[in-house]
Amino acid sequence: MDNHKDTRASGGVGDNGTRQVLTFSLGGEIYGVDILRVKEIRGWSPVTRIPQSPDAVLGVLNLRGLIVPIVDLRVRFSLASAEFTPLTVIIVLSLRTESGQRECGIVVDNVNDVVDVATETIRPSPEMGGAHTSEFIEGIATHDEQMLILLNAENLACHQLSTTGPAAAAA
């Protein structure tokens, strides 16, 4: 775990121009999120559904006294639904938002590994003819000859949750 501490101290970018990314599978594709955003990885456990929450928000989970909203990325990305299995996990992210630090969980098919991605190999996401996915995709990289879709955790979770917060209730 000492390596993990060193990464946090260096801001997630290694001395050799690499970034550490937690990779996971979702709908047959490989995605990645900056390791510095990952607070915890948990096995799937049932959540408490909140009435009138957005479709992608499955509910909330009590994480040691902290109430954490849980977003199903399959629903968020309009992918086919899948049964939750023993490999299904919740990645708890710690995010910087306009209202301060916030935790959010995302449900993914399974977690793969933490990999080093060379920053010079990260390319911008392609324009998809008006699709809104580019706001959630930070870039695309190749790792071990496989495409890796890098997600912008703040935009991904905060956009979905902005309709469930106190500001939305006041609107």
N, C-alpha and C. Protein backbone atom coordinates (compact mmCIF):
# COMPACT_ATOMS: atom_id res chain seq x y z
N MET A 1 0.80 -1.21 0.00
CA MET A 1 0.00 0.00 0.00
C MET A 1 0.84 1.27 0.00
N ASP A 2 2.14 1.18 0.25
CA ASP A 2 2.98 2.37 0.23
C ASP A 2 2.93 3.05 -1.13
N ASN A 3 2.87 2.25 -2.20
CA ASN A 3 2.79 2.81 -3.55
C ASN A 3 1.54 3.66 -3.70
N HIS A 4 0.42 3.23 -3.09
CA HIS A 4 -0.82 3.98 -3.15
C HIS A 4 -0.65 5.35 -2.49
N LYS A 5 0.04 5.39 -1.36
CA LYS A 5 0.29 6.66 -0.68
C LYS A 5 1.16 7.57 -1.53
N ASP A 6 2.17 7.00 -2.17
CA ASP A 6 3.04 7.80 -3.03
C ASP A 6 2.26 8.42 -4.17
N THR A 7 1.32 7.68 -4.74
CA THR A 7 0.52 8.18 -5.85
C THR A 7 -0.31 9.36 -5.40
N ARG A 8 -0.92 9.27 -4.23
CA ARG A 8 -1.74 10.37 -3.75
C ARG A 8 -0.89 11.63 -3.56
N ALA A 9 0.32 11.45 -3.05
CA ALA A 9 1.18 12.60 -2.81
C ALA A 9 1.60 13.27 -4.11
N SER A 10 1.71 12.48 -5.19
CA SER A 10 2.14 13.06 -6.46
C SER A 10 0.99 13.50 -7.33
N GLY A 11 -0.24 13.48 -6.78
CA GLY A 11 -1.38 13.97 -7.54
C GLY A 11 -1.85 12.99 -8.59
N GLY A 12 -1.51 11.72 -8.50
CA GLY A 12 -1.99 10.72 -9.43
C GLY A 12 -1.16 10.57 -10.68
N VAL A 13 -0.20 11.45 -10.88
CA VAL A 13 0.66 11.38 -12.05
C VAL A 13 2.05 10.98 -11.60
N GLY A 14 2.54 9.89 -12.15
CA GLY A 14 3.85 9.38 -11.77
C GLY A 14 4.97 10.23 -12.35
N ASP A 15 6.19 9.97 -11.87
CA ASP A 15 7.35 10.71 -12.35
C ASP A 15 7.60 10.49 -13.84
N ASN A 16 7.13 9.35 -14.36
CA ASN A 16 7.40 9.04 -15.77
C ASN A 16 6.24 9.41 -16.68
N GLY A 17 5.36 10.34 -16.26
CA GLY A 17 4.27 10.80 -17.12
C GLY A 17 3.13 9.80 -17.24
N THR A 18 2.88 9.06 -16.18
CA THR A 18 1.77 8.12 -16.20
C THR A 18 0.74 8.51 -15.16
N ARG A 19 -0.46 7.99 -15.35
CA ARG A 19 -1.57 8.19 -14.41
C ARG A 19 -2.06 6.84 -13.96
N GLN A 20 -2.36 6.70 -12.68
CA GLN A 20 -2.93 5.44 -12.21
C GLN A 20 -4.44 5.49 -12.31
N VAL A 21 -5.00 4.43 -12.90
CA VAL A 21 -6.41 4.37 -13.20
C VAL A 21 -6.95 3.02 -12.72
N LEU A 22 -8.08 3.04 -12.03
CA LEU A 22 -8.77 1.80 -11.68
C LEU A 22 -9.62 1.42 -12.87
N THR A 23 -9.42 0.21 -13.40
CA THR A 23 -10.19 -0.24 -14.56
C THR A 23 -11.29 -1.19 -14.11
N PHE A 24 -12.39 -1.14 -14.86
CA PHE A 24 -13.54 -2.00 -14.56
C PHE A 24 -14.29 -2.29 -15.85
N SER A 25 -15.07 -3.36 -15.82
CA SER A 25 -15.85 -3.77 -16.98
C SER A 25 -17.30 -3.35 -16.81
N LEU A 26 -17.88 -2.97 -17.95
CA LEU A 26 -19.28 -2.59 -17.98
C LEU A 26 -19.80 -2.88 -19.38
N GLY A 27 -20.69 -3.81 -19.50
CA GLY A 27 -21.28 -4.12 -20.80
C GLY A 27 -20.26 -4.57 -21.83
N GLY A 28 -19.23 -5.28 -21.41
CA GLY A 28 -18.23 -5.80 -22.34
C GLY A 28 -17.13 -4.82 -22.71
N GLU A 29 -17.19 -3.59 -22.22
CA GLU A 29 -16.15 -2.61 -22.48
C GLU A 29 -15.35 -2.37 -21.21
N ILE A 30 -14.13 -1.84 -21.39
CA ILE A 30 -13.26 -1.54 -20.26
C ILE A 30 -13.25 -0.03 -20.04
N TYR A 31 -13.54 0.38 -18.82
CA TYR A 31 -13.56 1.78 -18.43
C TYR A 31 -12.51 1.99 -17.35
N GLY A 32 -12.19 3.25 -17.12
CA GLY A 32 -11.24 3.58 -16.08
C GLY A 32 -11.63 4.87 -15.39
N VAL A 33 -11.26 4.96 -14.12
CA VAL A 33 -11.49 6.17 -13.35
C VAL A 33 -10.21 6.44 -12.55
N ASP A 34 -9.87 7.71 -12.42
CA ASP A 34 -8.66 8.11 -11.71
C ASP A 34 -8.64 7.49 -10.31
N ILE A 35 -7.58 6.83 -9.96
CA ILE A 35 -7.46 6.13 -8.68
C ILE A 35 -7.61 7.10 -7.50
N LEU A 36 -7.28 8.36 -7.71
CA LEU A 36 -7.39 9.34 -6.64
C LEU A 36 -8.84 9.64 -6.28
N ARG A 37 -9.79 9.30 -7.14
CA ARG A 37 -11.21 9.50 -6.87
C ARG A 37 -11.81 8.31 -6.13
N VAL A 38 -11.12 7.16 -6.11
CA VAL A 38 -11.66 5.94 -5.52
C VAL A 38 -11.45 5.94 -4.01
N LYS A 39 -12.56 5.87 -3.29
CA LYS A 39 -12.50 5.82 -1.83
C LYS A 39 -12.56 4.38 -1.34
N GLU A 40 -13.36 3.56 -2.02
CA GLU A 40 -13.58 2.19 -1.55
C GLU A 40 -14.19 1.36 -2.66
N ILE A 41 -13.92 0.05 -2.63
CA ILE A 41 -14.56 -0.89 -3.54
C ILE A 41 -15.29 -1.90 -2.67
N ARG A 42 -16.60 -2.06 -2.92
CA ARG A 42 -17.44 -2.94 -2.10
C ARG A 42 -18.17 -3.93 -2.99
N GLY A 43 -18.44 -5.09 -2.45
CA GLY A 43 -19.31 -6.02 -3.14
C GLY A 43 -20.72 -5.46 -3.20
N TRP A 44 -21.52 -5.97 -4.14
CA TRP A 44 -22.89 -5.47 -4.26
C TRP A 44 -23.67 -5.78 -2.98
N SER A 45 -24.42 -4.82 -2.53
CA SER A 45 -25.35 -5.02 -1.42
C SER A 45 -26.60 -4.20 -1.73
N PRO A 46 -27.76 -4.65 -1.28
CA PRO A 46 -29.01 -3.93 -1.58
C PRO A 46 -28.96 -2.50 -1.05
N VAL A 47 -29.67 -1.62 -1.76
CA VAL A 47 -29.72 -0.20 -1.40
C VAL A 47 -31.14 0.16 -1.01
N THR A 48 -31.29 1.30 -0.38
CA THR A 48 -32.60 1.83 -0.03
C THR A 48 -33.05 2.77 -1.14
N ARG A 49 -34.14 2.44 -1.79
CA ARG A 49 -34.66 3.23 -2.91
C ARG A 49 -35.27 4.52 -2.38
N ILE A 50 -34.99 5.63 -3.04
CA ILE A 50 -35.53 6.93 -2.68
C ILE A 50 -36.61 7.29 -3.71
N PRO A 51 -37.84 7.61 -3.27
CA PRO A 51 -38.91 7.94 -4.22
C PRO A 51 -38.53 9.12 -5.13
N GLN A 52 -38.94 9.03 -6.38
CA GLN A 52 -38.78 10.07 -7.40
C GLN A 52 -37.34 10.42 -7.71
N SER A 53 -36.41 9.50 -7.44
CA SER A 53 -35.02 9.76 -7.83
C SER A 53 -34.87 9.40 -9.30
N PRO A 54 -33.86 9.93 -9.98
CA PRO A 54 -33.64 9.61 -11.39
C PRO A 54 -33.47 8.10 -11.60
N ASP A 55 -33.80 7.63 -12.78
CA ASP A 55 -33.75 6.20 -13.08
C ASP A 55 -32.41 5.56 -12.76
N ALA A 56 -31.32 6.26 -13.05
CA ALA A 56 -29.99 5.67 -12.85
C ALA A 56 -29.58 5.60 -11.38
N VAL A 57 -30.26 6.34 -10.52
CA VAL A 57 -29.94 6.31 -9.10
C VAL A 57 -30.74 5.16 -8.47
N LEU A 58 -30.02 4.10 -8.11
CA LEU A 58 -30.68 2.93 -7.54
C LEU A 58 -31.22 3.19 -6.15
N GLY A 59 -30.56 4.06 -5.42
CA GLY A 59 -30.94 4.37 -4.05
C GLY A 59 -29.74 4.86 -3.29
N VAL A 60 -29.77 4.66 -1.98
CA VAL A 60 -28.67 5.10 -1.13
C VAL A 60 -28.19 3.94 -0.27
N LEU A 61 -26.96 4.06 0.17
CA LEU A 61 -26.31 3.05 1.00
C LEU A 61 -25.73 3.75 2.21
N ASN A 62 -25.84 3.14 3.38
CA ASN A 62 -25.25 3.69 4.59
C ASN A 62 -23.83 3.16 4.69
N LEU A 63 -22.88 4.04 4.51
CA LEU A 63 -21.46 3.67 4.54
C LEU A 63 -20.85 4.26 5.80
N ARG A 64 -20.85 3.47 6.86
CA ARG A 64 -20.33 3.89 8.16
C ARG A 64 -20.88 5.25 8.58
N GLY A 65 -22.20 5.39 8.49
CA GLY A 65 -22.87 6.61 8.93
C GLY A 65 -23.03 7.66 7.85
N LEU A 66 -22.39 7.50 6.72
CA LEU A 66 -22.49 8.43 5.61
C LEU A 66 -23.48 7.88 4.59
N ILE A 67 -24.48 8.65 4.21
CA ILE A 67 -25.48 8.21 3.24
C ILE A 67 -24.93 8.52 1.84
N VAL A 68 -24.72 7.45 1.04
CA VAL A 68 -24.08 7.57 -0.26
C VAL A 68 -25.06 7.17 -1.36
N PRO A 69 -25.33 8.07 -2.33
CA PRO A 69 -26.17 7.69 -3.47
C PRO A 69 -25.44 6.69 -4.36
N ILE A 70 -26.19 5.73 -4.92
CA ILE A 70 -25.61 4.68 -5.75
C ILE A 70 -26.20 4.78 -7.16
N VAL A 71 -25.31 4.97 -8.15
CA VAL A 71 -25.71 5.15 -9.55
C VAL A 71 -25.38 3.88 -10.33
N ASP A 72 -26.35 3.38 -11.10
CA ASP A 72 -26.13 2.22 -11.97
C ASP A 72 -25.60 2.75 -13.30
N LEU A 73 -24.33 2.50 -13.59
CA LEU A 73 -23.75 3.01 -14.84
C LEU A 73 -24.38 2.39 -16.08
N ARG A 74 -24.90 1.17 -15.98
CA ARG A 74 -25.58 0.58 -17.13
C ARG A 74 -26.78 1.43 -17.53
N VAL A 75 -27.56 1.86 -16.55
CA VAL A 75 -28.71 2.71 -16.83
C VAL A 75 -28.23 4.08 -17.30
N ARG A 76 -27.22 4.62 -16.63
CA ARG A 76 -26.69 5.95 -16.98
C ARG A 76 -26.21 6.02 -18.42
N PHE A 77 -25.61 4.92 -18.90
CA PHE A 77 -25.07 4.89 -20.26
C PHE A 77 -26.04 4.24 -21.25
N SER A 78 -27.28 3.99 -20.84
CA SER A 78 -28.30 3.37 -21.70
C SER A 78 -27.84 2.03 -22.26
N LEU A 79 -27.19 1.23 -21.43
CA LEU A 79 -26.77 -0.11 -21.81
C LEU A 79 -27.86 -1.10 -21.40
N ALA A 80 -27.80 -2.29 -21.99
CA ALA A 80 -28.75 -3.34 -21.62
C ALA A 80 -28.57 -3.68 -20.15
N SER A 81 -29.69 -3.95 -19.48
CA SER A 81 -29.59 -4.30 -18.07
C SER A 81 -28.99 -5.69 -17.92
N ALA A 82 -28.44 -5.95 -16.75
CA ALA A 82 -27.84 -7.25 -16.46
C ALA A 82 -28.12 -7.59 -15.01
N GLU A 83 -28.21 -8.87 -14.74
CA GLU A 83 -28.40 -9.31 -13.36
C GLU A 83 -27.16 -9.02 -12.54
N PHE A 84 -27.36 -8.63 -11.29
CA PHE A 84 -26.23 -8.45 -10.40
C PHE A 84 -25.73 -9.82 -9.99
N THR A 85 -24.42 -10.01 -10.03
CA THR A 85 -23.79 -11.29 -9.73
C THR A 85 -22.82 -11.10 -8.56
N PRO A 86 -22.18 -12.18 -8.11
CA PRO A 86 -21.16 -12.02 -7.07
C PRO A 86 -19.99 -11.15 -7.52
N LEU A 87 -19.81 -10.94 -8.84
CA LEU A 87 -18.73 -10.08 -9.33
C LEU A 87 -19.12 -8.61 -9.39
N THR A 88 -20.43 -8.32 -9.32
CA THR A 88 -20.91 -6.94 -9.37
C THR A 88 -20.39 -6.20 -8.15
N VAL A 89 -19.85 -5.00 -8.39
CA VAL A 89 -19.30 -4.22 -7.29
C VAL A 89 -19.79 -2.78 -7.33
N ILE A 90 -19.65 -2.14 -6.18
CA ILE A 90 -19.91 -0.71 -6.06
C ILE A 90 -18.57 -0.04 -5.82
N ILE A 91 -18.22 0.89 -6.69
CA ILE A 91 -17.01 1.69 -6.50
C ILE A 91 -17.46 3.01 -5.87
N VAL A 92 -17.01 3.26 -4.66
CA VAL A 92 -17.36 4.50 -3.97
C VAL A 92 -16.31 5.54 -4.35
N LEU A 93 -16.80 6.63 -4.93
CA LEU A 93 -15.92 7.71 -5.38
C LEU A 93 -16.03 8.90 -4.44
N SER A 94 -14.93 9.58 -4.23
CA SER A 94 -14.91 10.82 -3.48
C SER A 94 -14.72 11.94 -4.50
N LEU A 95 -15.71 12.81 -4.59
CA LEU A 95 -15.76 13.80 -5.68
C LEU A 95 -15.71 15.22 -5.16
N ARG A 96 -15.12 16.08 -5.97
CA ARG A 96 -15.13 17.51 -5.68
C ARG A 96 -16.31 18.12 -6.43
N THR A 97 -17.22 18.74 -5.68
CA THR A 97 -18.38 19.37 -6.29
C THR A 97 -18.43 20.84 -5.90
N GLU A 98 -19.36 21.57 -6.49
CA GLU A 98 -19.51 22.99 -6.16
C GLU A 98 -19.83 23.17 -4.68
N SER A 99 -20.52 22.18 -4.09
CA SER A 99 -20.90 22.29 -2.68
C SER A 99 -19.90 21.61 -1.76
N GLY A 100 -18.74 21.22 -2.29
CA GLY A 100 -17.71 20.60 -1.46
C GLY A 100 -17.49 19.14 -1.81
N GLN A 101 -16.78 18.43 -0.94
CA GLN A 101 -16.47 17.02 -1.15
C GLN A 101 -17.75 16.19 -0.99
N ARG A 102 -17.93 15.19 -1.86
CA ARG A 102 -19.13 14.37 -1.83
C ARG A 102 -18.79 12.96 -2.27
N GLU A 103 -19.45 11.98 -1.66
CA GLU A 103 -19.23 10.59 -2.05
C GLU A 103 -20.39 10.12 -2.91
N CYS A 104 -20.07 9.23 -3.82
CA CYS A 104 -21.07 8.65 -4.72
C CYS A 104 -20.60 7.25 -5.07
N GLY A 105 -21.53 6.31 -5.16
CA GLY A 105 -21.17 4.96 -5.56
C GLY A 105 -21.64 4.69 -6.98
N ILE A 106 -20.83 3.95 -7.74
CA ILE A 106 -21.24 3.53 -9.08
C ILE A 106 -21.21 2.01 -9.13
N VAL A 107 -22.24 1.43 -9.73
CA VAL A 107 -22.34 -0.02 -9.86
C VAL A 107 -21.75 -0.42 -11.20
N VAL A 108 -20.80 -1.36 -11.16
CA VAL A 108 -20.14 -1.84 -12.38
C VAL A 108 -20.16 -3.37 -12.38
N ASP A 109 -19.93 -3.96 -13.55
CA ASP A 109 -19.97 -5.42 -13.68
C ASP A 109 -18.89 -6.10 -12.85
N ASN A 110 -17.67 -5.60 -12.94
CA ASN A 110 -16.57 -6.11 -12.12
C ASN A 110 -15.37 -5.19 -12.22
N VAL A 111 -14.52 -5.25 -11.20
CA VAL A 111 -13.30 -4.44 -11.18
C VAL A 111 -12.18 -5.29 -11.75
N ASN A 112 -11.32 -4.68 -12.57
CA ASN A 112 -10.21 -5.40 -13.18
C ASN A 112 -8.91 -5.20 -12.43
N ASP A 113 -8.33 -3.99 -12.53
CA ASP A 113 -6.99 -3.78 -12.00
C ASP A 113 -6.71 -2.28 -11.94
N VAL A 114 -5.65 -1.93 -11.24
CA VAL A 114 -5.12 -0.57 -11.29
C VAL A 114 -3.98 -0.60 -12.29
N VAL A 115 -4.04 0.29 -13.30
CA VAL A 115 -3.03 0.31 -14.35
C VAL A 115 -2.42 1.70 -14.47
N ASP A 116 -1.21 1.74 -14.98
CA ASP A 116 -0.55 3.00 -15.30
C ASP A 116 -0.84 3.32 -16.76
N VAL A 117 -1.38 4.51 -17.01
CA VAL A 117 -1.68 4.95 -18.36
C VAL A 117 -0.75 6.13 -18.67
N ALA A 118 0.00 6.01 -19.75
CA ALA A 118 0.88 7.11 -20.16
C ALA A 118 0.02 8.29 -20.58
N THR A 119 0.26 9.45 -19.98
CA THR A 119 -0.58 10.62 -20.25
C THR A 119 -0.56 11.03 -21.72
N GLU A 120 0.55 10.79 -22.40
CA GLU A 120 0.61 11.19 -23.82
C GLU A 120 -0.23 10.28 -24.73
N THR A 121 -0.69 9.13 -24.20
CA THR A 121 -1.51 8.22 -25.02
C THR A 121 -3.00 8.52 -24.88
N ILE A 122 -3.37 9.44 -23.98
CA ILE A 122 -4.79 9.76 -23.77
C ILE A 122 -5.25 10.70 -24.87
N ARG A 123 -6.28 10.29 -25.58
CA ARG A 123 -6.84 11.07 -26.68
C ARG A 123 -8.23 11.57 -26.28
N PRO A 124 -8.64 12.72 -26.82
CA PRO A 124 -9.99 13.22 -26.51
C PRO A 124 -11.05 12.27 -27.08
N SER A 125 -12.22 12.26 -26.43
CA SER A 125 -13.30 11.40 -26.93
C SER A 125 -13.81 11.97 -28.25
N PRO A 126 -14.20 11.11 -29.17
CA PRO A 126 -14.68 11.59 -30.47
C PRO A 126 -16.07 12.20 -30.34
N GLU A 127 -16.38 13.14 -31.22
CA GLU A 127 -17.73 13.71 -31.27
C GLU A 127 -18.67 12.63 -31.78
N MET A 128 -19.82 12.51 -31.13
CA MET A 128 -20.76 11.45 -31.48
C MET A 128 -22.08 12.00 -31.98
N GLY A 129 -22.05 13.08 -32.72
CA GLY A 129 -23.27 13.61 -33.34
C GLY A 129 -24.32 14.07 -32.35
N GLY A 130 -23.92 14.86 -31.38
CA GLY A 130 -24.88 15.43 -30.43
C GLY A 130 -25.11 14.59 -29.20
N ALA A 131 -24.50 13.42 -29.10
CA ALA A 131 -24.68 12.60 -27.90
C ALA A 131 -24.01 13.29 -26.72
N HIS A 132 -24.58 13.13 -25.56
CA HIS A 132 -24.08 13.81 -24.36
C HIS A 132 -23.01 13.02 -23.62
N THR A 133 -22.58 11.90 -24.18
CA THR A 133 -21.62 11.06 -23.48
C THR A 133 -20.26 11.72 -23.35
N SER A 134 -19.91 12.63 -24.26
CA SER A 134 -18.57 13.21 -24.21
C SER A 134 -18.32 14.01 -22.93
N GLU A 135 -19.37 14.51 -22.29
CA GLU A 135 -19.18 15.23 -21.04
C GLU A 135 -18.75 14.29 -19.91
N PHE A 136 -18.99 12.99 -20.06
CA PHE A 136 -18.63 12.02 -19.04
C PHE A 136 -17.32 11.33 -19.35
N ILE A 137 -16.87 11.44 -20.59
CA ILE A 137 -15.64 10.77 -21.01
C ILE A 137 -14.51 11.78 -21.03
N GLU A 138 -13.51 11.50 -20.22
CA GLU A 138 -12.34 12.36 -20.14
C GLU A 138 -11.41 12.14 -21.33
N GLY A 139 -11.35 10.91 -21.79
CA GLY A 139 -10.51 10.58 -22.93
C GLY A 139 -10.50 9.09 -23.17
N ILE A 140 -9.79 8.70 -24.21
CA ILE A 140 -9.66 7.29 -24.55
C ILE A 140 -8.18 6.99 -24.69
N ALA A 141 -7.76 5.89 -24.08
CA ALA A 141 -6.35 5.49 -24.13
C ALA A 141 -6.29 4.02 -24.54
N THR A 142 -5.10 3.61 -24.91
CA THR A 142 -4.87 2.20 -25.20
C THR A 142 -3.94 1.67 -24.13
N HIS A 143 -4.34 0.52 -23.56
CA HIS A 143 -3.51 -0.13 -22.56
C HIS A 143 -3.49 -1.61 -22.89
N ASP A 144 -2.30 -2.18 -23.04
CA ASP A 144 -2.14 -3.59 -23.43
C ASP A 144 -2.96 -3.90 -24.67
N GLU A 145 -2.89 -3.03 -25.66
CA GLU A 145 -3.57 -3.17 -26.95
C GLU A 145 -5.09 -3.27 -26.81
N GLN A 146 -5.64 -2.66 -25.77
CA GLN A 146 -7.07 -2.65 -25.55
C GLN A 146 -7.52 -1.22 -25.30
N MET A 147 -8.66 -0.84 -25.88
CA MET A 147 -9.20 0.50 -25.68
C MET A 147 -9.67 0.64 -24.24
N LEU A 148 -9.37 1.78 -23.64
CA LEU A 148 -9.74 2.08 -22.27
C LEU A 148 -10.45 3.43 -22.27
N ILE A 149 -11.72 3.42 -21.87
CA ILE A 149 -12.51 4.64 -21.84
C ILE A 149 -12.35 5.26 -20.46
N LEU A 150 -11.72 6.43 -20.40
CA LEU A 150 -11.47 7.11 -19.13
C LEU A 150 -12.64 8.04 -18.81
N LEU A 151 -13.22 7.86 -17.64
CA LEU A 151 -14.39 8.63 -17.25
C LEU A 151 -14.02 9.82 -16.39
N ASN A 152 -14.77 10.90 -16.54
CA ASN A 152 -14.65 12.06 -15.68
C ASN A 152 -15.63 11.83 -14.53
N ALA A 153 -15.13 11.39 -13.40
CA ALA A 153 -15.97 10.99 -12.27
C ALA A 153 -16.89 12.11 -11.79
N GLU A 154 -16.36 13.32 -11.69
CA GLU A 154 -17.17 14.44 -11.20
C GLU A 154 -18.37 14.69 -12.11
N ASN A 155 -18.15 14.76 -13.41
CA ASN A 155 -19.26 15.01 -14.33
C ASN A 155 -20.23 13.84 -14.36
N LEU A 156 -19.72 12.65 -14.33
CA LEU A 156 -20.55 11.46 -14.41
C LEU A 156 -21.54 11.39 -13.26
N ALA A 157 -21.06 11.49 -12.05
CA ALA A 157 -21.92 11.34 -10.88
C ALA A 157 -22.67 12.62 -10.55
N CYS A 158 -22.00 13.75 -10.60
CA CYS A 158 -22.63 15.00 -10.17
C CYS A 158 -23.77 15.40 -11.09
N HIS A 159 -23.62 15.16 -12.39
CA HIS A 159 -24.69 15.50 -13.34
C HIS A 159 -25.95 14.74 -12.97
N GLN A 160 -25.83 13.46 -12.71
CA GLN A 160 -26.98 12.63 -12.36
C GLN A 160 -27.57 13.03 -11.03
N LEU A 161 -26.72 13.37 -10.07
CA LEU A 161 -27.19 13.66 -8.72
C LEU A 161 -27.70 15.08 -8.56
N SER A 162 -27.39 15.95 -9.52
CA SER A 162 -27.80 17.36 -9.38
C SER A 162 -29.31 17.49 -9.32
N THR A 163 -30.04 16.51 -9.87
CA THR A 163 -31.49 16.56 -9.82
C THR A 163 -32.05 15.99 -8.53
N THR A 164 -31.18 15.48 -7.65
CA THR A 164 -31.67 14.90 -6.39
C THR A 164 -31.28 15.71 -5.18
N GLY A 165 -30.50 16.76 -5.36
CA GLY A 165 -30.00 17.53 -4.23
C GLY A 165 -30.98 18.57 -3.75
N PRO A 166 -30.60 19.33 -2.72
CA PRO A 166 -31.46 20.37 -2.15
C PRO A 166 -31.85 21.44 -3.16
N ALA A 167 -30.95 21.78 -4.08
CA ALA A 167 -31.26 22.81 -5.08
C ALA A 167 -32.40 22.36 -5.97
N ALA A 168 -32.45 21.08 -6.30
CA ALA A 168 -33.52 20.55 -7.15
C ALA A 168 -34.85 20.58 -6.41
N ALA A 169 -34.84 20.33 -5.11
CA ALA A 169 -36.06 20.35 -4.34
C ALA A 169 -36.64 21.74 -4.27
N ALA A 170 -35.78 22.76 -4.27
CA ALA A 170 -36.23 24.15 -4.19
C ALA A 170 -36.78 24.65 -5.51
N ALA A 171 -36.41 23.99 -6.61
CA ALA A 171 -36.82 24.44 -7.94
C ALA A 171 -38.28 24.15 -8.20
